Amino acid sequence: MSIIKQNLLMGDPMLDVRRLRLLSELHIRGTLAGVAEALNFSPSAVSQQLSQLEKDVGVELLRTSGRRVVLTPQAEILVSHTVEVLRTLERAEAELASSLTTITGTVRLAVFQSAALALMPDALSIMESEYPEVRVEMVQREPETALRETWARDFDLVIAEQYPGHAAPRHPELDRRTLTTDTIRLATPPVGHGRAHPAAISEASDAAWVMEPRGTASRHWAEQACRRAGFEPDVRFETADLQSHIRLVESGNAVALLPDLVWIGRGTTARLVLLPEHPQRTIFTSVREASSTRPAIVAVREVLDRAVRLVAA
C-alpha cells in the first residue's frame, strides 16, 4: 500500500479526503463550476478548499490557463491515488451493507426513455413491495452521458443501450451486464393515410423521416441503415422523444426506425416492417465495480431482470 493511501485511510490531516475528492472531481469535470454543481457547493467554496489543499501539501496543484484551471503533474499524482482510495472506501461501504440483515439505502438510477417507460413501472412496484427500505431515484439520461456520469459517481446504476455496429462508451471502472435485446423495425403510417406505405426500408427513400438528434447512437445507426439501403434519408423531424416519433408515424407524417420496447403497454395503428438481418439493440446495466456487491444495487438489478421477463410475457 502506498504512503499516500496509508495516510488517507489513517486520516492524516495533510491529506484531507474531502479536499482530495474535490481535486479528483476537477480532474473529471474540468471546471470549478462543474465541481460546484456536482457536489452542491459554491464555486468560491471549491476554490477555497483547493487552495487549502495546496497549502497542506506544499506544492502547486492548479495553474490558470485562460479562463480555466489545469492540474499540475503533482496534482495528477494525487488524483491517481485519490481514485484508488475512493474505490477502497466504496468497496468498504458495500461490504458493510452486505453484513446487515436488512437491505436499505438509496440507488440513484439513470435510464433512457423507452426503458423508463417499458421497464421501470413494474420494477419500481416490485421494489416498493419487496424492498420497502430501498429508495430508488430515477433520472432520464441519454446513455452516452449517463455512462460517464455513473463513472463520475453521479449515479449508482445506469440502464444503457448499444446499437448494432456502434459500441457504447467504455469506462474502465464500470461493469456491463446484458439486460435484454430489442428488435428494431421500420414503422410506417397506418393504411388509409394518403402517404406511401413502404414494405421495406429500401422503398422509403422518398418518405419524410423522424430521427433522434445528431450525435446519438440511434441517429448514427438509423442513417447508416438508410445508406446501406441505397439512399440518404430526408430527416424533416428531429426529437429525442420517441413518443413524438410514434405520434408522427401514426398520424401519417413520417416513417421511423423504432425498437420494439417503445410499443410495450400500448397498441399502435402503425405498420411495423421487419428489416433485413433482423437488427437488434442491446440493453444493458452498468455499475461501478467497487459498488457492484452493495445489496441495494444487487436488488435493483435482480428486479430489473424480473421486469424484463414480465414485459416479455
C-alpha atoms as a PDB file:
ATOM      1  CA  MET A   1       0.000   0.000   0.000  1.00  0.00           C
ATOM      2  CA  SER A   2       1.349   3.440  -0.925  1.00  0.00           C
ATOM      3  CA  ILE A   3       2.339   6.011   1.722  1.00  0.00           C
ATOM      4  CA  ILE A   4      -0.288   8.389   0.348  1.00  0.00           C
ATOM      5  CA  LYS A   5      -3.004   5.740   0.569  1.00  0.00           C
ATOM      6  CA  GLN A   6      -1.977   4.842   4.114  1.00  0.00           C
ATOM      7  CA  ASN A   7      -2.111   8.490   5.141  1.00  0.00           C
ATOM      8  CA  LEU A   8      -5.512   8.947   3.558  1.00  0.00           C
ATOM      9  CA  LEU A   9      -7.029   5.916   5.239  1.00  0.00           C
ATOM     10  CA  MET A  10      -5.477   6.849   8.596  1.00  0.00           C
ATOM     11  CA  GLY A  11      -6.818  10.405   8.336  1.00  0.00           C
ATOM     12  CA  ASP A  12      -3.507  12.253   8.081  1.00  0.00           C
ATOM     13  CA  PRO A  13      -4.575  15.934   8.253  1.00  0.00           C
ATOM     14  CA  MET A  14      -2.116  16.853   5.492  1.00  0.00           C
ATOM     15  CA  LEU A  15      -4.203  14.795   3.077  1.00  0.00           C
ATOM     16  CA  ASP A  16      -7.850  15.576   3.687  1.00  0.00           C
ATOM     17  CA  VAL A  17     -10.006  13.108   1.741  1.00  0.00           C
ATOM     18  CA  ARG A  18     -12.766  15.663   1.158  1.00  0.00           C
ATOM     19  CA  ARG A  19     -10.351  18.155  -0.393  1.00  0.00           C
ATOM     20  CA  LEU A  20      -8.687  15.431  -2.422  1.00  0.00           C
ATOM     21  CA  ARG A  21     -12.068  14.407  -3.757  1.00  0.00           C
ATOM     22  CA  LEU A  22     -12.615  17.982  -4.944  1.00  0.00           C
ATOM     23  CA  LEU A  23      -9.326  17.750  -6.819  1.00  0.00           C
ATOM     24  CA  SER A  24     -10.405  14.443  -8.348  1.00  0.00           C
ATOM     25  CA  GLU A  25     -13.756  15.949  -9.335  1.00  0.00           C
ATOM     26  CA  LEU A  26     -11.959  18.843 -11.005  1.00  0.00           C
ATOM     27  CA  HIS A  27      -9.941  16.318 -12.997  1.00  0.00           C
ATOM     28  CA  ILE A  28     -13.204  14.688 -14.141  1.00  0.00           C
ATOM     29  CA  ARG A  29     -15.354  17.755 -14.763  1.00  0.00           C
ATOM     30  CA  GLY A  30     -12.791  20.278 -15.940  1.00  0.00           C
ATOM     31  CA  THR A  31     -14.120  23.423 -14.263  1.00  0.00           C
ATOM     32  CA  LEU A  32     -14.680  24.724 -10.756  1.00  0.00           C
ATOM     33  CA  ALA A  33     -18.284  25.471 -11.693  1.00  0.00           C
ATOM     34  CA  GLY A  34     -18.771  21.850 -12.777  1.00  0.00           C
ATOM     35  CA  VAL A  35     -17.393  20.568  -9.467  1.00  0.00           C
ATOM     36  CA  ALA A  36     -19.580  23.003  -7.532  1.00  0.00           C
ATOM     37  CA  GLU A  37     -22.718  21.931  -9.390  1.00  0.00           C
ATOM     38  CA  ALA A  38     -21.993  18.213  -8.965  1.00  0.00           C
ATOM     39  CA  LEU A  39     -21.345  18.452  -5.219  1.00  0.00           C
ATOM     40  CA  ASN A  40     -23.787  21.252  -4.341  1.00  0.00           C
ATOM     41  CA  PHE A  41     -21.040  23.653  -3.311  1.00  0.00           C
ATOM     42  CA  SER A  42     -20.474  27.232  -4.365  1.00  0.00           C
ATOM     43  CA  PRO A  43     -17.564  27.770  -6.796  1.00  0.00           C
ATOM     44  CA  SER A  44     -15.878  30.001  -4.211  1.00  0.00           C
ATOM     45  CA  ALA A  45     -16.074  27.228  -1.599  1.00  0.00           C
ATOM     46  CA  VAL A  46     -14.491  24.769  -4.021  1.00  0.00           C
ATOM     47  CA  SER A  47     -11.725  27.258  -4.808  1.00  0.00           C
ATOM     48  CA  GLN A  48     -11.044  27.889  -1.114  1.00  0.00           C
ATOM     49  CA  GLN A  49     -10.809  24.183  -0.320  1.00  0.00           C
ATOM     50  CA  LEU A  50      -8.431  23.534  -3.207  1.00  0.00           C
ATOM     51  CA  SER A  51      -6.292  26.500  -2.141  1.00  0.00           C
ATOM     52  CA  GLN A  52      -6.123  24.997   1.352  1.00  0.00           C
ATOM     53  CA  LEU A  53      -5.118  21.638  -0.150  1.00  0.00           C
ATOM     54  CA  GLU A  54      -2.235  23.354  -1.927  1.00  0.00           C
ATOM     55  CA  LYS A  55      -1.106  24.769   1.409  1.00  0.00           C
ATOM     56  CA  ASP A  56      -1.495  21.368   3.069  1.00  0.00           C
ATOM     57  CA  VAL A  57       0.747  19.566   0.576  1.00  0.00           C
ATOM     58  CA  GLY A  58       3.110  22.471  -0.020  1.00  0.00           C
ATOM     59  CA  VAL A  59       3.169  22.235  -3.818  1.00  0.00           C
ATOM     60  CA  GLU A  60       1.332  23.977  -6.650  1.00  0.00           C
ATOM     61  CA  LEU A  61      -1.658  21.920  -7.759  1.00  0.00           C
ATOM     62  CA  LEU A  62      -3.521  24.268 -10.121  1.00  0.00           C
ATOM     63  CA  ARG A  63      -2.481  26.665 -12.861  1.00  0.00           C
ATOM     64  CA  THR A  64      -4.590  29.161 -14.749  1.00  0.00           C
ATOM     65  CA  SER A  65      -4.950  28.604 -18.486  1.00  0.00           C
ATOM     66  CA  GLY A  66      -7.140  31.309 -19.998  1.00  0.00           C
ATOM     67  CA  ARG A  67     -10.438  31.099 -18.152  1.00  0.00           C
ATOM     68  CA  ARG A  68      -9.800  27.562 -16.940  1.00  0.00           C
ATOM     69  CA  VAL A  69      -7.618  25.950 -14.340  1.00  0.00           C
ATOM     70  CA  VAL A  70      -5.476  22.923 -15.166  1.00  0.00           C
ATOM     71  CA  LEU A  71      -3.917  20.346 -12.885  1.00  0.00           C
ATOM     72  CA  THR A  72      -0.148  20.274 -12.398  1.00  0.00           C
ATOM     73  CA  PRO A  73       1.777  16.973 -12.660  1.00  0.00           C
ATOM     74  CA  GLN A  74       1.824  16.848  -8.855  1.00  0.00           C
ATOM     75  CA  ALA A  75      -1.961  17.194  -8.781  1.00  0.00           C
ATOM     76  CA  GLU A  76      -2.255  14.330 -11.263  1.00  0.00           C
ATOM     77  CA  ILE A  77      -0.250  12.151  -8.866  1.00  0.00           C
ATOM     78  CA  LEU A  78      -2.614  12.966  -6.025  1.00  0.00           C
ATOM     79  CA  VAL A  79      -5.649  12.284  -8.227  1.00  0.00           C
ATOM     80  CA  SER A  80      -4.405   8.816  -9.195  1.00  0.00           C
ATOM     81  CA  HIS A  81      -4.062   7.848  -5.534  1.00  0.00           C
ATOM     82  CA  THR A  82      -7.354   9.503  -4.589  1.00  0.00           C
ATOM     83  CA  VAL A  83      -9.238   7.447  -7.166  1.00  0.00           C
ATOM     84  CA  GLU A  84      -7.779   4.294  -5.647  1.00  0.00           C
ATOM     85  CA  VAL A  85      -8.809   5.375  -2.142  1.00  0.00           C
ATOM     86  CA  LEU A  86     -12.350   6.275  -3.227  1.00  0.00           C
ATOM     87  CA  ARG A  87     -12.704   2.805  -4.751  1.00  0.00           C
ATOM     88  CA  THR A  88     -11.487   1.262  -1.495  1.00  0.00           C
ATOM     89  CA  LEU A  89     -13.992   3.258   0.531  1.00  0.00           C
ATOM     90  CA  GLU A  90     -16.806   2.344  -1.870  1.00  0.00           C
ATOM     91  CA  ARG A  91     -15.944  -1.347  -1.559  1.00  0.00           C
ATOM     92  CA  ALA A  92     -15.886  -0.959   2.237  1.00  0.00           C
ATOM     93  CA  GLU A  93     -19.370   0.606   2.172  1.00  0.00           C
ATOM     94  CA  ALA A  94     -20.657  -2.260   0.003  1.00  0.00           C
ATOM     95  CA  GLU A  95     -19.151  -4.878   2.327  1.00  0.00           C
ATOM     96  CA  LEU A  96     -20.585  -3.139   5.388  1.00  0.00           C
ATOM     97  CA  ALA A  97     -24.043  -3.010   3.809  1.00  0.00           C
ATOM     98  CA  SER A  98     -23.756  -6.717   2.928  1.00  0.00           C
ATOM     99  CA  SER A  99     -23.175  -7.554   6.591  1.00  0.00           C
ATOM    100  CA  LEU A 100     -26.598  -6.193   7.573  1.00  0.00           C
ATOM    101  CA  THR A 101     -29.772  -8.289   7.654  1.00  0.00           C
ATOM    102  CA  THR A 102     -31.977  -5.592   6.092  1.00  0.00           C
ATOM    103  CA  ILE A 103     -31.451  -4.170   2.607  1.00  0.00           C
ATOM    104  CA  THR A 104     -31.598  -0.396   2.811  1.00  0.00           C
ATOM    105  CA  GLY A 105     -30.185   2.684   1.130  1.00  0.00           C
ATOM    106  CA  THR A 106     -30.632   4.839  -1.936  1.00  0.00           C
ATOM    107  CA  VAL A 107     -29.924   3.771  -5.507  1.00  0.00           C
ATOM    108  CA  ARG A 108     -29.565   6.614  -8.000  1.00  0.00           C
ATOM    109  CA  LEU A 109     -30.551   5.302 -11.415  1.00  0.00           C
ATOM    110  CA  ALA A 110     -30.041   6.830 -14.879  1.00  0.00           C
ATOM    111  CA  VAL A 111     -32.206   5.432 -17.673  1.00  0.00           C
ATOM    112  CA  PHE A 112     -33.137   6.299 -21.257  1.00  0.00           C
ATOM    113  CA  GLN A 113     -36.727   6.987 -22.223  1.00  0.00           C
ATOM    114  CA  SER A 114     -38.009   3.759 -23.770  1.00  0.00           C
ATOM    115  CA  ALA A 115     -36.542   1.628 -20.964  1.00  0.00           C
ATOM    116  CA  ALA A 116     -38.012   4.006 -18.383  1.00  0.00           C
ATOM    117  CA  LEU A 117     -41.485   3.640 -19.902  1.00  0.00           C
ATOM    118  CA  ALA A 118     -41.372  -0.102 -20.545  1.00  0.00           C
ATOM    119  CA  LEU A 119     -39.435  -1.487 -17.570  1.00  0.00           C
ATOM    120  CA  MET A 120     -39.457   0.952 -14.672  1.00  0.00           C
ATOM    121  CA  PRO A 121     -43.166   0.886 -13.684  1.00  0.00           C
ATOM    122  CA  ASP A 122     -43.031  -2.862 -12.963  1.00  0.00           C
ATOM    123  CA  ALA A 123     -39.543  -2.626 -11.458  1.00  0.00           C
ATOM    124  CA  LEU A 124     -40.492   0.191  -9.093  1.00  0.00           C
ATOM    125  CA  SER A 125     -43.653  -1.641  -7.986  1.00  0.00           C
ATOM    126  CA  ILE A 126     -41.644  -4.752  -7.155  1.00  0.00           C
ATOM    127  CA  MET A 127     -39.030  -2.703  -5.296  1.00  0.00           C
ATOM    128  CA  GLU A 128     -41.723  -0.979  -3.230  1.00  0.00           C
ATOM    129  CA  SER A 129     -43.310  -4.326  -2.367  1.00  0.00           C
ATOM    130  CA  GLU A 130     -40.218  -6.408  -1.636  1.00  0.00           C
ATOM    131  CA  TYR A 131     -37.570  -3.835  -0.681  1.00  0.00           C
ATOM    132  CA  PRO A 132     -39.525  -1.019   1.005  1.00  0.00           C
ATOM    133  CA  GLU A 133     -36.427   0.390   2.717  1.00  0.00           C
ATOM    134  CA  VAL A 134     -34.607   0.948  -0.572  1.00  0.00           C
ATOM    135  CA  ARG A 135     -35.172   4.359  -2.131  1.00  0.00           C
ATOM    136  CA  VAL A 136     -34.830   4.413  -5.939  1.00  0.00           C
ATOM    137  CA  GLU A 137     -34.199   7.799  -7.536  1.00  0.00           C
ATOM    138  CA  MET A 138     -34.555   7.812 -11.326  1.00  0.00           C
ATOM    139  CA  VAL A 139     -33.373  10.411 -13.833  1.00  0.00           C
ATOM    140  CA  GLN A 140     -33.776  10.211 -17.611  1.00  0.00           C
ATOM    141  CA  ARG A 141     -30.445  10.497 -19.410  1.00  0.00           C
ATOM    142  CA  GLU A 142     -29.079   9.650 -22.829  1.00  0.00           C
ATOM    143  CA  PRO A 143     -26.905   6.505 -22.497  1.00  0.00           C
ATOM    144  CA  GLU A 144     -23.617   8.092 -23.611  1.00  0.00           C
ATOM    145  CA  THR A 145     -23.958  10.825 -20.981  1.00  0.00           C
ATOM    146  CA  ALA A 146     -25.289   8.504 -18.292  1.00  0.00           C
ATOM    147  CA  LEU A 147     -22.379   6.071 -18.549  1.00  0.00           C
ATOM    148  CA  ARG A 148     -19.854   8.820 -17.925  1.00  0.00           C
ATOM    149  CA  GLU A 149     -21.954  10.272 -15.101  1.00  0.00           C
ATOM    150  CA  THR A 150     -22.163   6.856 -13.440  1.00  0.00           C
ATOM    151  CA  TRP A 151     -18.388   6.513 -13.706  1.00  0.00           C
ATOM    152  CA  ALA A 152     -18.141  10.011 -12.147  1.00  0.00           C
ATOM    153  CA  ARG A 153     -20.354   8.863  -9.219  1.00  0.00           C
ATOM    154  CA  ASP A 154     -23.371  11.000 -10.143  1.00  0.00           C
ATOM    155  CA  PHE A 155     -25.403   7.768 -10.391  1.00  0.00           C
ATOM    156  CA  ASP A 156     -25.105   4.298  -8.875  1.00  0.00           C
ATOM    157  CA  LEU A 157     -26.560   2.361 -11.798  1.00  0.00           C
ATOM    158  CA  VAL A 158     -27.309   3.085 -15.435  1.00  0.00           C
ATOM    159  CA  ILE A 159     -29.559   1.372 -17.960  1.00  0.00           C
ATOM    160  CA  ALA A 160     -27.955   1.977 -21.349  1.00  0.00           C
ATOM    161  CA  GLU A 161     -28.232   0.772 -24.927  1.00  0.00           C
ATOM    162  CA  GLN A 162     -25.923  -0.301 -27.724  1.00  0.00           C
ATOM    163  CA  TYR A 163     -26.909  -0.342 -31.376  1.00  0.00           C
ATOM    164  CA  PRO A 164     -25.535  -2.900 -33.854  1.00  0.00           C
ATOM    165  CA  GLY A 165     -22.049  -1.933 -35.007  1.00  0.00           C
ATOM    166  CA  HIS A 166     -21.978   1.100 -32.706  1.00  0.00           C
ATOM    167  CA  ALA A 167     -20.135   0.360 -29.452  1.00  0.00           C
ATOM    168  CA  ALA A 168     -21.281   2.250 -26.357  1.00  0.00           C
ATOM    169  CA  PRO A 169     -18.529   4.148 -24.496  1.00  0.00           C
ATOM    170  CA  ARG A 170     -16.352   2.047 -22.190  1.00  0.00           C
ATOM    171  CA  HIS A 171     -15.211   3.235 -18.768  1.00  0.00           C
ATOM    172  CA  PRO A 172     -12.668   1.021 -17.003  1.00  0.00           C
ATOM    173  CA  GLU A 173     -14.366   1.102 -13.585  1.00  0.00           C
ATOM    174  CA  LEU A 174     -17.831   0.152 -14.908  1.00  0.00           C
ATOM    175  CA  ASP A 175     -19.016  -3.411 -15.348  1.00  0.00           C
ATOM    176  CA  ARG A 176     -21.566  -4.332 -18.004  1.00  0.00           C
ATOM    177  CA  ARG A 177     -24.425  -6.842 -17.783  1.00  0.00           C
ATOM    178  CA  THR A 178     -26.872  -7.527 -20.619  1.00  0.00           C
ATOM    179  CA  LEU A 179     -30.490  -6.950 -19.597  1.00  0.00           C
ATOM    180  CA  THR A 180     -32.272  -7.776 -22.856  1.00  0.00           C
ATOM    181  CA  THR A 181     -32.169  -7.352 -26.626  1.00  0.00           C
ATOM    182  CA  ASP A 182     -34.658  -5.357 -28.645  1.00  0.00           C
ATOM    183  CA  THR A 183     -35.562  -5.791 -32.327  1.00  0.00           C
ATOM    184  CA  ILE A 184     -35.561  -2.609 -34.443  1.00  0.00           C
ATOM    185  CA  ARG A 185     -38.236  -2.262 -37.138  1.00  0.00           C
ATOM    186  CA  LEU A 186     -39.352   0.245 -39.745  1.00  0.00           C
ATOM    187  CA  ALA A 187     -42.517   1.967 -38.530  1.00  0.00           C
ATOM    188  CA  THR A 188     -44.744   3.371 -41.302  1.00  0.00           C
ATOM    189  CA  PRO A 189     -48.123   5.175 -41.281  1.00  0.00           C
ATOM    190  CA  PRO A 190     -51.356   3.212 -40.950  1.00  0.00           C
ATOM    191  CA  VAL A 191     -53.214   2.057 -44.015  1.00  0.00           C
ATOM    192  CA  GLY A 192     -55.668   4.749 -45.065  1.00  0.00           C
ATOM    193  CA  HIS A 193     -53.312   7.712 -44.907  1.00  0.00           C
ATOM    194  CA  GLY A 194     -52.555   9.301 -48.244  1.00  0.00           C
ATOM    195  CA  ARG A 195     -48.795   8.752 -47.998  1.00  0.00           C
ATOM    196  CA  ALA A 196     -46.990   5.738 -49.418  1.00  0.00           C
ATOM    197  CA  HIS A 197     -46.636   2.663 -47.224  1.00  0.00           C
ATOM    198  CA  PRO A 198     -43.192   1.173 -47.877  1.00  0.00           C
ATOM    199  CA  ALA A 199     -42.995  -2.573 -47.389  1.00  0.00           C
ATOM    200  CA  ALA A 200     -39.201  -2.421 -46.965  1.00  0.00           C
ATOM    201  CA  ILE A 201     -36.667   0.180 -45.908  1.00  0.00           C
ATOM    202  CA  SER A 202     -35.381   0.360 -49.498  1.00  0.00           C
ATOM    203  CA  GLU A 203     -38.826   1.685 -50.517  1.00  0.00           C
ATOM    204  CA  ALA A 204     -38.705   4.566 -48.001  1.00  0.00           C
ATOM    205  CA  SER A 205     -36.276   6.780 -49.911  1.00  0.00           C
ATOM    206  CA  ASP A 206     -38.950   9.389 -50.681  1.00  0.00           C
ATOM    207  CA  ALA A 207     -40.531   9.360 -47.235  1.00  0.00           C
ATOM    208  CA  ALA A 208     -40.261  12.049 -44.563  1.00  0.00           C
ATOM    209  CA  TRP A 209     -38.264  10.683 -41.628  1.00  0.00           C
ATOM    210  CA  VAL A 210     -38.215  11.396 -37.904  1.00  0.00           C
ATOM    211  CA  MET A 211     -34.982  10.599 -36.064  1.00  0.00           C
ATOM    212  CA  GLU A 212     -33.257  11.366 -32.789  1.00  0.00           C
ATOM    213  CA  PRO A 213     -30.778  14.296 -32.654  1.00  0.00           C
ATOM    214  CA  ARG A 214     -27.373  14.127 -34.318  1.00  0.00           C
ATOM    215  CA  GLY A 215     -24.652  12.699 -32.118  1.00  0.00           C
ATOM    216  CA  THR A 216     -26.804   9.939 -30.620  1.00  0.00           C
ATOM    217  CA  ALA A 217     -26.053   6.294 -31.339  1.00  0.00           C
ATOM    218  CA  SER A 218     -29.599   5.694 -32.577  1.00  0.00           C
ATOM    219  CA  ARG A 219     -29.343   8.542 -35.128  1.00  0.00           C
ATOM    220  CA  HIS A 220     -25.988   7.323 -36.425  1.00  0.00           C
ATOM    221  CA  TRP A 221     -27.306   3.769 -36.754  1.00  0.00           C
ATOM    222  CA  ALA A 222     -30.538   4.867 -38.470  1.00  0.00           C
ATOM    223  CA  GLU A 223     -28.696   6.994 -41.031  1.00  0.00           C
ATOM    224  CA  GLN A 224     -26.316   4.146 -41.779  1.00  0.00           C
ATOM    225  CA  ALA A 225     -29.238   1.726 -42.205  1.00  0.00           C
ATOM    226  CA  CYS A 226     -30.783   4.052 -44.803  1.00  0.00           C
ATOM    227  CA  ARG A 227     -27.473   4.469 -46.626  1.00  0.00           C
ATOM    228  CA  ARG A 228     -26.962   0.710 -46.724  1.00  0.00           C
ATOM    229  CA  ALA A 229     -30.418   0.548 -48.345  1.00  0.00           C
ATOM    230  CA  GLY A 230     -29.207   2.947 -51.040  1.00  0.00           C
ATOM    231  CA  PHE A 231     -30.476   6.399 -50.100  1.00  0.00           C
ATOM    232  CA  GLU A 232     -29.921   9.431 -47.869  1.00  0.00           C
ATOM    233  CA  PRO A 233     -32.911   9.880 -45.515  1.00  0.00           C
ATOM    234  CA  ASP A 234     -34.960  13.079 -45.688  1.00  0.00           C
ATOM    235  CA  VAL A 235     -34.926  13.846 -41.933  1.00  0.00           C
ATOM    236  CA  ARG A 236     -37.591  16.515 -41.572  1.00  0.00           C
ATOM    237  CA  PHE A 237     -38.277  15.956 -37.884  1.00  0.00           C
ATOM    238  CA  GLU A 238     -35.722  15.636 -35.102  1.00  0.00           C
ATOM    239  CA  THR A 239     -36.567  14.897 -31.470  1.00  0.00           C
ATOM    240  CA  ALA A 240     -35.213  12.753 -28.622  1.00  0.00           C
ATOM    241  CA  ASP A 241     -38.794  11.986 -27.526  1.00  0.00           C
ATOM    242  CA  LEU A 242     -39.714   8.604 -29.001  1.00  0.00           C
ATOM    243  CA  GLN A 243     -43.357   9.166 -28.109  1.00  0.00           C
ATOM    244  CA  SER A 244     -43.254  12.050 -30.597  1.00  0.00           C
ATOM    245  CA  HIS A 245     -41.790   9.659 -33.183  1.00  0.00           C
ATOM    246  CA  ILE A 246     -44.758   7.351 -32.629  1.00  0.00           C
ATOM    247  CA  ARG A 247     -47.315  10.147 -32.980  1.00  0.00           C
ATOM    248  CA  LEU A 248     -45.703  11.428 -36.182  1.00  0.00           C
ATOM    249  CA  VAL A 249     -45.798   7.929 -37.675  1.00  0.00           C
ATOM    250  CA  GLU A 250     -49.337   7.129 -36.552  1.00  0.00           C
ATOM    251  CA  SER A 251     -50.604  10.488 -37.872  1.00  0.00           C
ATOM    252  CA  GLY A 252     -49.137   9.726 -41.292  1.00  0.00           C
ATOM    253  CA  ASN A 253     -46.462  12.431 -41.228  1.00  0.00           C
ATOM    254  CA  ALA A 254     -43.266  10.362 -41.057  1.00  0.00           C
ATOM    255  CA  VAL A 255     -41.592   6.989 -41.009  1.00  0.00           C
ATOM    256  CA  ALA A 256     -39.089   5.920 -38.347  1.00  0.00           C
ATOM    257  CA  LEU A 257     -36.801   3.132 -37.194  1.00  0.00           C
ATOM    258  CA  LEU A 258     -38.067   2.173 -33.747  1.00  0.00           C
ATOM    259  CA  PRO A 259     -37.168  -0.597 -31.275  1.00  0.00           C
ATOM    260  CA  ASP A 260     -39.885  -2.952 -30.064  1.00  0.00           C
ATOM    261  CA  LEU A 261     -39.607  -1.709 -26.478  1.00  0.00           C
ATOM    262  CA  VAL A 262     -41.432   1.540 -27.363  1.00  0.00           C
ATOM    263  CA  TRP A 263     -44.632  -0.398 -28.067  1.00  0.00           C
ATOM    264  CA  ILE A 264     -44.811  -2.100 -24.656  1.00  0.00           C
ATOM    265  CA  GLY A 265     -48.081  -1.355 -22.861  1.00  0.00           C
ATOM    266  CA  ARG A 266     -49.805   0.214 -25.841  1.00  0.00           C
ATOM    267  CA  GLY A 267     -51.296  -0.758 -29.173  1.00  0.00           C
ATOM    268  CA  THR A 268     -50.468   1.016 -32.404  1.00  0.00           C
ATOM    269  CA  THR A 269     -52.031   1.702 -35.760  1.00  0.00           C
ATOM    270  CA  ALA A 270     -48.574   1.967 -37.360  1.00  0.00           C
ATOM    271  CA  ARG A 271     -47.344  -0.757 -39.682  1.00  0.00           C
ATOM    272  CA  LEU A 272     -44.163  -2.435 -38.416  1.00  0.00           C
ATOM    273  CA  VAL A 273     -41.819  -3.836 -41.046  1.00  0.00           C
ATOM    274  CA  LEU A 274     -39.013  -6.271 -40.215  1.00  0.00           C
ATOM    275  CA  LEU A 275     -35.638  -5.149 -41.525  1.00  0.00           C
ATOM    276  CA  PRO A 276     -33.057  -7.259 -43.361  1.00  0.00           C
ATOM    277  CA  GLU A 277     -30.780  -9.169 -40.972  1.00  0.00           C
ATOM    278  CA  HIS A 278     -33.252  -8.527 -38.115  1.00  0.00           C
ATOM    279  CA  PRO A 279     -31.114  -5.918 -36.292  1.00  0.00           C
ATOM    280  CA  GLN A 280     -31.340  -5.697 -32.512  1.00  0.00           C
ATOM    281  CA  ARG A 281     -30.074  -3.212 -29.974  1.00  0.00           C
ATOM    282  CA  THR A 282     -28.661  -4.499 -26.689  1.00  0.00           C
ATOM    283  CA  ILE A 283     -29.928  -3.045 -23.418  1.00  0.00           C
ATOM    284  CA  PHE A 284     -27.541  -3.411 -20.504  1.00  0.00           C
ATOM    285  CA  THR A 285     -26.905  -2.195 -16.984  1.00  0.00           C
ATOM    286  CA  SER A 286     -23.620  -0.824 -15.645  1.00  0.00           C
ATOM    287  CA  VAL A 287     -22.414  -0.031 -12.149  1.00  0.00           C
ATOM    288  CA  ARG A 288     -19.032   0.797 -10.684  1.00  0.00           C
ATOM    289  CA  GLU A 289     -17.308  -2.485  -9.875  1.00  0.00           C
ATOM    290  CA  ALA A 290     -16.464  -1.203  -6.381  1.00  0.00           C
ATOM    291  CA  SER A 291     -20.177  -0.909  -5.545  1.00  0.00           C
ATOM    292  CA  SER A 292     -21.476  -3.896  -7.535  1.00  0.00           C
ATOM    293  CA  THR A 293     -21.946  -6.045  -4.405  1.00  0.00           C
ATOM    294  CA  ARG A 294     -23.931  -3.416  -2.465  1.00  0.00           C
ATOM    295  CA  PRO A 295     -27.183  -5.229  -1.621  1.00  0.00           C
ATOM    296  CA  ALA A 296     -29.488  -2.407  -2.732  1.00  0.00           C
ATOM    297  CA  ILE A 297     -27.817  -2.317  -6.162  1.00  0.00           C
ATOM    298  CA  VAL A 298     -27.920  -6.122  -6.423  1.00  0.00           C
ATOM    299  CA  ALA A 299     -31.636  -5.978  -5.594  1.00  0.00           C
ATOM    300  CA  VAL A 300     -32.404  -3.364  -8.264  1.00  0.00           C
ATOM    301  CA  ARG A 301     -30.537  -5.371 -10.912  1.00  0.00           C
ATOM    302  CA  GLU A 302     -32.375  -8.553  -9.975  1.00  0.00           C
ATOM    303  CA  VAL A 303     -35.726  -6.756 -10.077  1.00  0.00           C
ATOM    304  CA  LEU A 304     -34.903  -5.278 -13.498  1.00  0.00           C
ATOM    305  CA  ASP A 305     -34.297  -8.824 -14.781  1.00  0.00           C
ATOM    306  CA  ARG A 306     -37.743  -9.767 -13.496  1.00  0.00           C
ATOM    307  CA  ALA A 307     -39.298  -6.699 -15.112  1.00  0.00           C
ATOM    308  CA  VAL A 308     -37.849  -7.777 -18.458  1.00  0.00           C
ATOM    309  CA  ARG A 309     -39.415 -11.218 -18.059  1.00  0.00           C
ATOM    310  CA  LEU A 310     -42.779  -9.630 -17.233  1.00  0.00           C
ATOM    311  CA  VAL A 311     -42.564  -7.475 -20.366  1.00  0.00           C
ATOM    312  CA  ALA A 312     -41.621 -10.495 -22.481  1.00  0.00           C
ATOM    313  CA  ALA A 313     -44.588 -12.433 -21.089  1.00  0.00           C
END
